[in-house]
Amino acid sequence: MTFKQKVTLLPVVATIFLLAILLLSVVVGRDASRLSTRIVEGYTPALASIRSLDSMASSLKWNLWDACQSRDATRVAQLQELAKDFEEELARGENNPVMEDSRLQSLRESFEAFWTQGQLALELAVRQEPGAQAAFAQALERYGTLQLLLRGSGEWAQAGLEQSFGDMRMLQRWRQQWVITLVVMCIFALGVLSSWLVQGVVGPLTRLTQVTTRIATEGDLTQRIDVDSRDELGQLARGIEALVARLRTVPVTLQGTVDELTQAAGRLTEASQRQLAFLSHQSRSLSEAGSTISEIAQTSNLAASRAEMVLRVAAQADAFSMSGRNSIESSAQGLQKLRARVETLMRSVAHLSEQAARAGEIIGSVRDLADQSNVLALNASIEAARAGEEGRGFAVVAREMRALSGQSVQSTQRIGKILLEINHAIRRAVSVAEQDSQQMEAGITQVLTSADRLREITTVVHESSQAAKQIVASVTQQNTGIAQMTEVMTTLSQMMGDVVESTMNAEEAVVQVNTSLERLKQVAASFRV
């Protein structure tokens, strides 16, 4: 039986009993109307008519007696008028529904016998003939018979009236008893049906309310709904049971995803820390390279001064040739060291480029995890929307997850952009370093050539002067290259500082991701499955 049929069962039963009471009232009302008609239109008018006939017969007898005693013929018309009224009253009795025709006929015959004998006695008395007394005595006998018939008719009408009233009272008692019986039966049936409905409807609803309340307030998804009903309540209970079963999988899946994201964030933190340490080391190396280049610049300036001195003091060229050669050789050694340091710097920058590429791969993995979290949060939002009011709390969790995953995607995009800029900067630095290295190689070659020429100064002063000029030109060019190298190293140091700052920002973003994951863990732990 469906829930709608159960609910409509009570008014249907009540309607059936009301219809039964109404039908009983109609039947009893019809019988009561019939009895009332018999009383109002039958026995009551009949009794009144009989009493009126008795009064008329008595009046007619006494008037007839007075007329006989007074021998007054003038009273015949009055007596005839009374007799006519009596007959008219009898005629009206024919319209009475309860008056029997035989009774009316007996009364009519008895009255006619009495009236005929009375008229005879009055005529004899008026003519003063003998036999008037005997005729009046016979009239009195006829009157006695009429009186007995009228008394009997009155008793019959009275008995019929009392019987009708008794039948009506009995009918009313019978109606009252049946109405009380039907009302009691209706109350009993409604009580039984109400108890049955309470057990079949209120009980399951109470259980469903308890389960949904505990899920909404305590997050207890271990609840079981034990409702054996086959109606709409049973379908609702089974639907809620299926919803709870699906909700149980959401915290478990969310917990697993949060754990995976936590591990990935931990690995990203470690990678960021290693990258930060490496970049700090590279920054220190660049600082040392800058110091070395400054020293080379000072040495180059000193070599230029000495070359100018060679030009100014040609006579002292032979004396200072050894010193110049030593200076050139020292410059060559310094340039060799600078070349070695530049090569080391280039390898470090290449390694930095590789680490930046790896960091980009890690950021890509974090972005993929954030996208998966976003998809999972979207699915959770869909499931919460399907759950309706019961899933409102979980919808809040899903929105929070989507917001966190969106923040993670934005953070990874910013970090990826920063890493891409770092990679481009490193590539530019490598290109500049390669160009400077080529220039430095050329400078080293020139310095070595100058040294060879300086060795020949002792034999050819003229050639020594020419060699000194070449040395001045080479040293000037070297100073220009060293200045450019110094500028490049300064720019590279600034860019390295920016890379270190970006890496620190990435580490802070990872810390924020860890904080968000802890909040997700707390949300997932609030559900019991």
Protein backbone atom coordinates (compact mmCIF):
# COMPACT_ATOMS: atom_id res chain seq x y z
CA MET A 1 0.00 0.00 0.00
CA THR A 2 1.39 3.40 -0.97
CA PHE A 3 1.90 6.29 1.43
CA LYS A 4 -0.92 8.23 -0.24
CA GLN A 5 -3.31 5.30 0.18
CA LYS A 6 -2.31 4.99 3.84
CA VAL A 7 -2.89 8.67 4.47
CA THR A 8 -6.29 8.66 2.70
CA LEU A 9 -7.39 5.49 4.53
CA LEU A 10 -8.42 7.38 7.69
CA PRO A 11 -10.73 9.90 5.95
CA VAL A 12 -12.16 7.10 3.78
CA VAL A 13 -13.07 5.00 6.83
CA ALA A 14 -14.47 8.07 8.61
CA THR A 15 -16.48 8.92 5.49
CA ILE A 16 -17.89 5.38 5.32
CA PHE A 17 -19.05 5.56 8.93
CA LEU A 18 -20.49 9.03 8.40
CA LEU A 19 -22.37 7.78 5.35
CA ALA A 20 -23.68 4.85 7.41
CA ILE A 21 -24.83 7.26 10.14
CA LEU A 22 -26.36 9.51 7.49
CA LEU A 23 -28.16 6.55 5.88
CA LEU A 24 -29.41 5.44 9.29
CA SER A 25 -30.61 8.98 9.98
CA VAL A 26 -32.41 9.05 6.62
CA VAL A 27 -34.14 5.71 7.28
CA VAL A 28 -35.07 6.66 10.83
CA GLY A 29 -36.17 10.11 9.67
CA ARG A 30 -38.40 8.54 7.04
CA ASP A 31 -40.01 6.23 9.62
CA ALA A 32 -40.28 9.09 12.10
CA SER A 33 -41.90 11.23 9.44
CA ARG A 34 -44.38 8.46 8.73
CA LEU A 35 -45.18 8.12 12.45
CA SER A 36 -45.40 11.88 12.81
CA THR A 37 -47.82 11.98 9.89
CA ARG A 38 -49.94 9.31 11.56
CA ILE A 39 -49.94 11.29 14.78
CA VAL A 40 -50.46 14.77 13.36
CA GLU A 41 -52.78 13.91 10.50
CA GLY A 42 -54.32 10.71 11.82
CA TYR A 43 -54.77 9.87 15.49
CA THR A 44 -54.71 13.40 16.88
CA PRO A 45 -57.44 14.73 14.51
CA ALA A 46 -59.35 11.44 14.93
CA LEU A 47 -59.30 11.74 18.72
CA ALA A 48 -60.36 15.39 18.51
CA SER A 49 -63.11 14.49 16.04
CA ILE A 50 -64.41 11.66 18.26
CA ARG A 51 -64.48 13.97 21.25
CA SER A 52 -66.29 16.57 19.18
CA LEU A 53 -68.80 13.90 18.00
CA ASP A 54 -69.32 12.80 21.59
CA SER A 55 -69.95 16.40 22.61
CA MET A 56 -72.36 16.91 19.70
CA ALA A 57 -74.23 13.66 20.45
CA SER A 58 -74.53 14.63 24.12
CA SER A 59 -75.75 18.13 23.21
CA LEU A 60 -78.21 16.65 20.71
CA LYS A 61 -79.52 14.20 23.36
CA TRP A 62 -80.14 16.94 25.96
CA ASN A 63 -81.69 19.30 23.46
CA LEU A 64 -83.90 16.46 22.27
CA TRP A 65 -84.86 15.74 25.90
CA ASP A 66 -85.70 19.39 26.53
CA ALA A 67 -87.74 19.57 23.32
CA CYS A 68 -89.67 16.42 24.25
CA GLN A 69 -90.36 17.67 27.74
CA SER A 70 -91.44 21.11 26.55
CA ARG A 71 -93.25 19.73 23.49
CA ASP A 72 -91.68 22.64 21.56
CA ALA A 73 -91.87 22.02 17.82
CA THR A 74 -89.81 25.13 17.10
CA ARG A 75 -86.64 23.45 18.29
CA VAL A 76 -86.70 20.88 15.51
CA ALA A 77 -84.63 23.14 13.25
CA GLN A 78 -81.96 23.55 15.95
CA LEU A 79 -81.86 19.80 16.47
CA GLN A 80 -81.57 19.22 12.75
CA GLU A 81 -78.66 21.68 12.63
CA LEU A 82 -76.87 19.72 15.37
CA ALA A 83 -77.53 16.47 13.52
CA LYS A 84 -76.16 18.01 10.34
CA ASP A 85 -72.97 19.13 12.16
CA PHE A 86 -72.56 15.60 13.51
CA GLU A 87 -72.86 14.12 10.04
CA GLU A 88 -70.40 16.65 8.59
CA GLU A 89 -67.89 15.79 11.31
CA LEU A 90 -68.29 12.12 10.41
CA ALA A 91 -67.80 13.01 6.76
CA ARG A 92 -64.52 14.79 7.60
CA GLY A 93 -63.38 11.60 9.33
CA GLU A 94 -63.38 9.86 5.96
CA ASN A 95 -60.32 11.94 4.99
CA ASN A 96 -58.43 10.77 8.06
CA PRO A 97 -55.69 8.27 6.97
CA VAL A 98 -56.03 6.14 10.11
CA MET A 99 -59.78 6.17 10.51
CA GLU A 100 -61.33 2.85 9.51
CA ASP A 101 -64.31 2.93 7.16
CA SER A 102 -66.13 0.23 9.14
CA ARG A 103 -65.84 2.27 12.30
CA LEU A 104 -67.19 5.34 10.54
CA GLN A 105 -70.01 3.28 9.07
CA SER A 106 -70.93 1.90 12.52
CA LEU A 107 -70.94 5.38 13.98
CA ARG A 108 -73.05 6.67 11.11
CA GLU A 109 -75.59 3.84 11.42
CA SER A 110 -75.77 4.16 15.21
CA PHE A 111 -76.23 7.94 14.95
CA GLU A 112 -78.93 7.58 12.30
CA ALA A 113 -80.78 5.06 14.50
CA PHE A 114 -80.53 7.41 17.48
CA TRP A 115 -81.58 10.48 15.48
CA THR A 116 -84.46 8.69 13.76
CA GLN A 117 -85.80 7.40 17.08
CA GLY A 118 -85.31 10.83 18.66
CA GLN A 119 -87.25 12.55 15.88
CA LEU A 120 -90.06 10.00 16.33
CA ALA A 121 -90.15 10.63 20.08
CA LEU A 122 -90.22 14.42 19.49
CA GLU A 123 -93.10 14.15 17.01
CA LEU A 124 -95.10 11.98 19.42
CA ALA A 125 -94.38 14.41 22.26
CA VAL A 126 -95.40 17.44 20.19
CA ARG A 127 -98.68 15.72 19.18
CA GLN A 128 -99.04 14.52 22.74
CA GLU A 129 -99.66 11.06 21.62
CA PRO A 130 -99.05 8.07 23.84
CA GLY A 131 -95.79 6.22 23.29
CA ALA A 132 -93.63 9.35 23.35
CA GLN A 133 -91.88 8.19 26.52
CA ALA A 134 -91.29 4.74 25.13
CA ALA A 135 -89.95 6.19 21.88
CA PHE A 136 -87.57 8.49 23.80
CA ALA A 137 -86.46 5.55 25.92
CA GLN A 138 -85.58 3.67 22.73
CA ALA A 139 -83.77 6.80 21.50
CA LEU A 140 -81.75 6.76 24.73
CA GLU A 141 -80.88 3.13 24.11
CA ARG A 142 -79.69 4.06 20.63
CA TYR A 143 -77.72 6.93 22.19
CA GLY A 144 -76.12 4.48 24.63
CA THR A 145 -75.03 2.34 21.72
CA LEU A 146 -73.66 5.44 19.97
CA GLN A 147 -71.94 6.48 23.20
CA LEU A 148 -70.29 3.07 23.47
CA LEU A 149 -69.10 3.28 19.88
CA LEU A 150 -67.76 6.80 20.40
CA ARG A 151 -66.03 5.76 23.63
CA GLY A 152 -64.57 2.75 21.88
CA SER A 153 -63.43 4.90 18.99
CA GLY A 154 -61.89 7.40 21.42
CA GLU A 155 -60.07 4.62 23.22
CA TRP A 156 -58.93 3.27 19.87
CA ALA A 157 -57.64 6.71 18.79
CA GLN A 158 -55.98 7.24 22.18
CA ALA A 159 -54.35 3.82 22.00
CA GLY A 160 -53.19 4.47 18.43
CA LEU A 161 -51.80 7.83 19.47
CA GLU A 162 -49.94 6.31 22.41
CA GLN A 163 -48.73 3.46 20.21
CA SER A 164 -47.44 5.92 17.64
CA PHE A 165 -45.66 7.93 20.31
CA GLY A 166 -44.22 4.69 21.69
CA ASP A 167 -43.08 3.62 18.25
CA MET A 168 -41.47 7.00 17.74
CA ARG A 169 -39.69 6.83 21.08
CA MET A 170 -38.56 3.28 20.29
CA LEU A 171 -37.40 4.41 16.86
CA GLN A 172 -35.45 7.26 18.42
CA ARG A 173 -33.85 4.91 20.96
CA TRP A 174 -33.02 2.46 18.17
CA ARG A 175 -31.53 5.28 16.13
CA GLN A 176 -29.56 6.55 19.13
CA GLN A 177 -28.23 3.07 19.88
CA TRP A 178 -27.14 2.51 16.31
CA VAL A 179 -25.55 5.95 16.07
CA ILE A 180 -23.64 5.35 19.31
CA THR A 181 -22.62 1.90 18.06
CA LEU A 182 -21.42 3.29 14.73
CA VAL A 183 -19.59 6.16 16.44
CA VAL A 184 -17.85 3.74 18.81
CA MET A 185 -16.97 1.45 15.90
CA CYS A 186 -15.69 4.45 13.92
CA ILE A 187 -13.57 5.65 16.84
CA PHE A 188 -12.21 2.15 17.36
CA ALA A 189 -11.44 1.70 13.65
CA LEU A 190 -9.83 5.13 13.43
CA GLY A 191 -7.78 4.38 16.55
CA VAL A 192 -6.57 1.08 15.11
CA LEU A 193 -5.76 2.70 11.75
CA SER A 194 -4.05 5.63 13.47
CA SER A 195 -1.89 3.27 15.50
CA TRP A 196 -1.06 1.35 12.35
CA LEU A 197 -0.20 4.57 10.50
CA VAL A 198 1.94 5.78 13.39
CA GLN A 199 3.91 2.54 13.31
CA GLY A 200 4.15 2.50 9.51
CA VAL A 201 4.74 6.22 8.85
CA VAL A 202 5.87 8.14 11.92
CA GLY A 203 8.36 5.44 12.97
CA PRO A 204 10.28 5.43 9.64
CA LEU A 205 10.13 9.22 9.45
CA THR A 206 11.57 9.49 12.95
CA ARG A 207 14.37 7.09 12.02
CA LEU A 208 15.15 9.02 8.83
CA THR A 209 15.17 12.30 10.78
CA GLN A 210 17.58 10.88 13.37
CA VAL A 211 19.94 9.55 10.70
CA THR A 212 20.00 12.74 8.63
CA THR A 213 20.40 14.88 11.77
CA ARG A 214 23.44 12.87 12.92
CA ILE A 215 24.95 13.05 9.45
CA ALA A 216 24.41 16.82 9.26
CA THR A 217 25.58 17.65 12.81
CA GLU A 218 28.19 14.97 13.55
CA GLY A 219 29.27 13.88 10.06
CA ASP A 220 28.52 10.28 11.06
CA LEU A 221 28.30 8.30 7.81
CA THR A 222 28.25 4.94 9.63
CA GLN A 223 24.49 5.21 10.13
CA ARG A 224 22.28 2.42 8.82
CA ILE A 225 18.64 2.99 7.83
CA ASP A 226 16.48 0.00 8.79
CA VAL A 227 13.11 0.70 7.14
CA ASP A 228 11.18 -2.26 5.70
CA SER A 229 8.35 -0.20 4.23
CA ARG A 230 7.39 -0.76 0.59
CA ASP A 231 5.78 2.63 0.06
CA GLU A 232 7.25 6.03 -0.76
CA LEU A 233 8.88 6.20 2.69
CA GLY A 234 10.70 2.95 1.94
CA GLN A 235 11.86 4.37 -1.40
CA LEU A 236 13.01 7.55 0.37
CA ALA A 237 14.89 5.48 2.98
CA ARG A 238 16.60 3.41 0.30
CA GLY A 239 17.51 6.56 -1.62
CA ILE A 240 19.05 8.13 1.51
CA GLU A 241 20.88 4.86 2.21
CA ALA A 242 22.36 4.95 -1.32
CA LEU A 243 23.30 8.60 -0.85
CA VAL A 244 25.06 7.84 2.45
CA ALA A 245 26.88 4.93 0.79
CA ARG A 246 28.18 7.25 -1.92
CA LEU A 247 29.07 9.92 0.64
CA ARG A 248 31.20 7.37 2.50
CA THR A 249 33.53 7.14 -0.50
CA VAL A 250 34.04 10.91 -0.69
CA PRO A 251 36.01 11.42 2.60
CA VAL A 252 38.16 8.37 1.83
CA THR A 253 38.94 9.62 -1.68
CA LEU A 254 39.49 13.14 -0.35
CA GLN A 255 41.85 11.85 2.34
CA GLY A 256 43.86 9.87 -0.21
CA THR A 257 44.08 12.85 -2.54
CA VAL A 258 45.12 15.13 0.31
CA ASP A 259 47.83 12.65 1.34
CA GLU A 260 49.14 12.51 -2.23
CA LEU A 261 49.13 16.31 -2.46
CA THR A 262 50.87 16.54 0.90
CA GLN A 263 53.61 14.18 -0.26
CA ALA A 264 53.98 16.09 -3.53
CA ALA A 265 54.13 19.38 -1.62
CA GLY A 266 56.79 17.89 0.66
CA ARG A 267 58.85 16.83 -2.33
CA LEU A 268 58.39 20.26 -3.88
CA THR A 269 59.52 21.87 -0.62
CA GLU A 270 62.65 19.74 -0.56
CA ALA A 271 63.34 20.55 -4.22
CA SER A 272 62.82 24.27 -3.53
CA GLN A 273 65.20 24.11 -0.57
CA ARG A 274 67.84 22.32 -2.63
CA GLN A 275 67.35 24.80 -5.44
CA LEU A 276 67.64 27.69 -2.99
CA ALA A 277 70.87 26.27 -1.58
CA PHE A 278 72.25 25.77 -5.08
CA LEU A 279 71.29 29.28 -6.14
CA SER A 280 72.88 30.70 -3.00
CA HIS A 281 76.07 28.85 -3.86
CA GLN A 282 75.90 30.15 -7.43
CA SER A 283 75.37 33.66 -6.12
CA ARG A 284 78.48 33.39 -3.96
CA SER A 285 80.41 32.03 -6.95
CA LEU A 286 79.31 34.98 -9.04
CA SER A 287 80.42 37.34 -6.28
CA GLU A 288 83.84 35.69 -6.23
CA ALA A 289 84.03 35.89 -10.03
CA GLY A 290 83.23 39.58 -9.84
CA SER A 291 86.03 40.09 -7.34
CA THR A 292 88.41 38.21 -9.61
CA ILE A 293 87.42 40.32 -12.60
CA SER A 294 88.05 43.45 -10.51
CA GLU A 295 91.51 42.20 -9.73
CA ILE A 296 92.07 41.46 -13.43
CA ALA A 297 90.95 44.99 -14.26
CA GLN A 298 93.44 46.43 -11.80
CA THR A 299 96.17 44.23 -13.26
CA SER A 300 95.24 45.29 -16.77
CA ASN A 301 95.37 48.95 -15.77
CA LEU A 302 98.79 48.39 -14.29
CA ALA A 303 99.95 46.70 -17.49
CA ALA A 304 98.69 49.64 -19.52
CA SER A 305 100.58 52.07 -17.32
CA ARG A 306 103.71 50.07 -17.75
CA ALA A 307 103.26 49.91 -21.51
CA GLU A 308 102.95 53.69 -21.62
CA MET A 309 106.09 53.98 -19.58
CA VAL A 310 107.79 51.78 -22.19
CA LEU A 311 106.66 54.15 -24.91
CA ARG A 312 107.77 57.24 -23.01
CA VAL A 313 111.07 55.81 -21.95
CA ALA A 314 112.37 53.96 -24.98
CA ALA A 315 115.88 54.17 -23.58
CA GLN A 316 114.79 52.20 -20.54
CA ALA A 317 112.94 49.57 -22.62
CA ASP A 318 115.72 47.08 -22.34
CA ALA A 319 115.95 47.58 -18.57
CA PHE A 320 112.25 47.26 -18.06
CA SER A 321 111.68 44.54 -20.71
CA MET A 322 112.02 41.80 -18.18
CA SER A 323 109.62 43.58 -15.84
CA GLY A 324 107.17 44.09 -18.70
CA ARG A 325 107.47 40.47 -19.74
CA ASN A 326 106.86 39.36 -16.21
CA SER A 327 103.85 41.61 -16.04
CA ILE A 328 102.57 40.23 -19.31
CA GLU A 329 103.09 36.68 -18.10
CA SER A 330 101.29 37.53 -14.85
CA SER A 331 98.46 38.96 -16.90
CA ALA A 332 98.38 35.81 -18.99
CA GLN A 333 98.25 33.68 -15.87
CA GLY A 334 95.47 35.85 -14.46
CA LEU A 335 93.58 35.54 -17.69
CA GLN A 336 94.06 31.77 -17.62
CA LYS A 337 92.61 31.73 -14.12
CA LEU A 338 89.78 33.98 -15.25
CA ARG A 339 89.13 31.64 -18.18
CA ALA A 340 89.00 28.68 -15.77
CA ARG A 341 86.62 30.58 -13.49
CA VAL A 342 84.47 31.62 -16.44
CA GLU A 343 84.31 28.00 -17.60
CA THR A 344 83.31 26.99 -14.06
CA LEU A 345 80.71 29.75 -14.06
CA MET A 346 79.33 28.54 -17.41
CA ARG A 347 79.06 24.97 -16.11
CA SER A 348 77.33 26.26 -12.96
CA VAL A 349 74.93 28.31 -15.04
CA ALA A 350 74.22 25.25 -17.25
CA HIS A 351 73.59 23.19 -14.11
CA LEU A 352 71.33 25.99 -12.85
CA SER A 353 69.43 25.80 -16.15
CA GLU A 354 68.96 22.04 -15.68
CA GLN A 355 67.73 22.55 -12.11
CA ALA A 356 65.30 25.22 -13.32
CA ALA A 357 63.98 22.75 -15.94
CA ARG A 358 63.52 20.12 -13.21
CA ALA A 359 61.75 22.66 -11.05
CA GLY A 360 59.47 23.36 -14.03
CA GLU A 361 58.70 19.64 -14.26
CA ILE A 362 57.88 19.54 -10.52
CA ILE A 363 55.65 22.61 -10.91
CA GLY A 364 53.91 20.80 -13.80
CA SER A 365 53.29 17.79 -11.54
CA VAL A 366 51.89 20.08 -8.84
CA ARG A 367 49.65 21.76 -11.44
CA ASP A 368 48.38 18.33 -12.60
CA LEU A 369 47.62 17.40 -8.98
CA ALA A 370 45.80 20.72 -8.50
CA ASP A 371 43.79 20.05 -11.70
CA GLN A 372 42.89 16.59 -10.39
CA SER A 373 41.85 18.14 -7.07
CA ASN A 374 39.72 20.66 -8.96
CA VAL A 375 38.03 17.84 -10.95
CA LEU A 376 37.48 15.91 -7.71
CA ALA A 377 36.02 19.00 -6.03
CA LEU A 378 33.75 19.54 -9.05
CA ASN A 379 32.52 15.94 -8.82
CA ALA A 380 31.97 16.40 -5.09
CA SER A 381 29.97 19.59 -5.78
CA ILE A 382 27.81 17.69 -8.28
CA GLU A 383 27.19 14.91 -5.77
CA ALA A 384 26.39 17.46 -3.05
CA ALA A 385 23.93 19.20 -5.40
CA ARG A 386 22.27 15.87 -6.06
CA ALA A 387 22.01 15.30 -2.30
CA GLY A 388 20.11 18.56 -1.90
CA GLU A 389 19.69 19.93 1.62
CA GLU A 390 21.57 17.00 3.23
CA GLY A 391 24.63 17.65 1.12
CA ARG A 392 24.93 21.38 1.84
CA GLY A 393 27.80 20.96 4.35
CA PHE A 394 29.73 18.81 1.88
CA ALA A 395 29.12 21.40 -0.86
CA VAL A 396 30.97 23.95 1.33
CA VAL A 397 33.90 21.52 1.58
CA ALA A 398 33.85 21.02 -2.19
CA ARG A 399 33.91 24.79 -2.81
CA GLU A 400 36.81 25.15 -0.38
CA MET A 401 38.68 22.37 -2.23
CA ARG A 402 38.05 24.07 -5.57
CA ALA A 403 39.25 27.40 -4.16
CA LEU A 404 42.41 25.78 -2.77
CA SER A 405 43.08 23.90 -6.01
CA GLY A 406 42.55 27.16 -7.93
CA GLN A 407 45.08 28.90 -5.66
CA SER A 408 47.50 26.00 -6.20
CA VAL A 409 47.10 26.29 -10.00
CA GLN A 410 47.69 30.06 -9.83
CA SER A 411 50.75 29.59 -7.60
CA THR A 412 52.22 26.94 -9.91
CA GLN A 413 51.55 29.19 -12.92
CA ARG A 414 53.39 32.07 -11.23
CA ILE A 415 56.28 29.80 -10.24
CA GLY A 416 56.41 28.32 -13.77
CA LYS A 417 56.46 31.82 -15.25
CA ILE A 418 59.26 32.85 -12.87
CA LEU A 419 61.23 29.69 -13.69
CA LEU A 420 60.76 30.37 -17.42
CA GLU A 421 62.11 33.91 -16.95
CA ILE A 422 65.02 32.53 -14.95
CA ASN A 423 65.76 30.01 -17.70
CA HIS A 424 65.72 32.77 -20.35
CA ALA A 425 67.99 34.93 -18.19
CA ILE A 426 70.39 32.03 -17.67
CA ARG A 427 70.47 31.39 -21.42
CA ARG A 428 71.27 35.04 -22.07
CA ALA A 429 73.95 34.92 -19.39
CA VAL A 430 75.45 31.81 -21.00
CA SER A 431 75.45 33.52 -24.41
CA VAL A 432 77.15 36.62 -23.01
CA ALA A 433 79.64 34.49 -21.07
CA GLU A 434 80.50 32.56 -24.23
CA GLN A 435 81.09 35.80 -26.11
CA ASP A 436 83.20 37.17 -23.27
CA SER A 437 85.11 33.89 -23.15
CA GLN A 438 85.93 34.20 -26.83
CA GLN A 439 87.05 37.76 -26.31
CA MET A 440 89.07 36.69 -23.31
CA GLU A 441 90.74 33.95 -25.39
CA ALA A 442 91.63 36.58 -27.94
CA GLY A 443 93.02 38.77 -25.18
CA ILE A 444 95.07 35.90 -23.79
CA THR A 445 96.48 35.23 -27.27
CA GLN A 446 97.36 38.87 -27.65
CA VAL A 447 98.99 38.99 -24.25
CA LEU A 448 101.08 35.93 -25.10
CA THR A 449 102.02 37.52 -28.41
CA SER A 450 103.03 40.64 -26.54
CA ALA A 451 105.18 38.55 -24.28
CA ASP A 452 106.95 37.01 -27.27
CA ARG A 453 107.52 40.39 -28.77
CA LEU A 454 108.73 41.71 -25.46
CA ARG A 455 111.40 39.02 -25.45
CA GLU A 456 112.65 40.37 -28.74
CA ILE A 457 113.01 43.91 -27.31
CA THR A 458 116.47 43.08 -26.12
CA THR A 459 117.61 42.51 -29.67
CA VAL A 460 115.61 45.05 -31.56
CA VAL A 461 114.74 48.27 -29.77
CA HIS A 462 112.70 49.44 -32.68
CA GLU A 463 110.75 46.27 -32.68
CA SER A 464 110.39 46.65 -28.91
CA SER A 465 108.86 50.10 -29.37
CA GLN A 466 106.44 48.71 -31.94
CA ALA A 467 105.69 45.82 -29.62
CA ALA A 468 105.05 48.28 -26.78
CA LYS A 469 102.51 50.08 -28.95
CA GLN A 470 100.82 46.80 -29.70
CA ILE A 471 100.84 45.99 -26.00
CA VAL A 472 99.14 49.31 -25.22
CA ALA A 473 96.50 48.65 -27.84
CA SER A 474 95.98 45.09 -26.62
CA VAL A 475 95.78 46.19 -22.99
CA THR A 476 93.27 48.90 -23.91
CA GLN A 477 91.15 46.35 -25.72
CA GLN A 478 91.56 44.03 -22.76
CA ASN A 479 90.35 46.74 -20.40
CA THR A 480 87.28 47.22 -22.57
CA GLY A 481 86.55 43.47 -22.53
CA ILE A 482 87.13 43.29 -18.80
CA ALA A 483 84.75 46.23 -18.26
CA GLN A 484 82.14 44.48 -20.33
CA MET A 485 82.72 41.27 -18.40
CA THR A 486 82.35 43.19 -15.13
CA GLU A 487 79.04 44.65 -16.31
CA VAL A 488 77.84 41.19 -17.39
CA MET A 489 78.80 39.69 -14.03
CA THR A 490 76.97 42.50 -12.21
CA THR A 491 73.84 41.90 -14.28
CA LEU A 492 74.11 38.15 -13.73
CA SER A 493 74.44 38.69 -9.96
CA GLN A 494 71.29 40.82 -9.95
CA MET A 495 69.41 38.20 -11.95
CA MET A 496 70.64 35.49 -9.62
CA GLY A 497 69.29 37.50 -6.69
CA ASP A 498 65.93 37.70 -8.43
CA VAL A 499 66.00 33.93 -8.99
CA VAL A 500 66.75 33.35 -5.30
CA GLU A 501 63.88 35.65 -4.30
CA SER A 502 61.49 33.85 -6.69
CA THR A 503 62.55 30.51 -5.29
CA MET A 504 61.85 31.76 -1.77
CA ASN A 505 58.40 32.94 -2.93
CA ALA A 506 57.78 29.50 -4.41
CA GLU A 507 58.71 27.93 -1.08
CA GLU A 508 56.24 30.25 0.68
CA ALA A 509 53.56 29.18 -1.83
CA VAL A 510 54.32 25.55 -1.02
CA VAL A 511 53.89 26.38 2.69
CA GLN A 512 50.46 27.88 1.88
CA VAL A 513 49.56 24.73 -0.06
CA ASN A 514 50.55 22.63 2.97
CA THR A 515 48.35 24.81 5.19
CA SER A 516 45.40 24.36 2.82
CA LEU A 517 46.00 20.61 2.73
CA GLU A 518 45.94 20.51 6.53
CA ARG A 519 42.55 22.24 6.44
CA LEU A 520 41.33 19.67 3.92
CA LYS A 521 42.58 16.90 6.20
CA GLN A 522 40.59 18.36 9.08
CA VAL A 523 37.46 18.55 6.91
CA ALA A 524 37.91 14.94 5.73
CA ALA A 525 38.58 13.78 9.30
CA SER A 526 35.30 15.33 10.48
CA PHE A 527 33.39 12.52 8.70
CA ARG A 528 33.14 9.03 10.16
CA VAL A 529 32.85 6.24 7.59
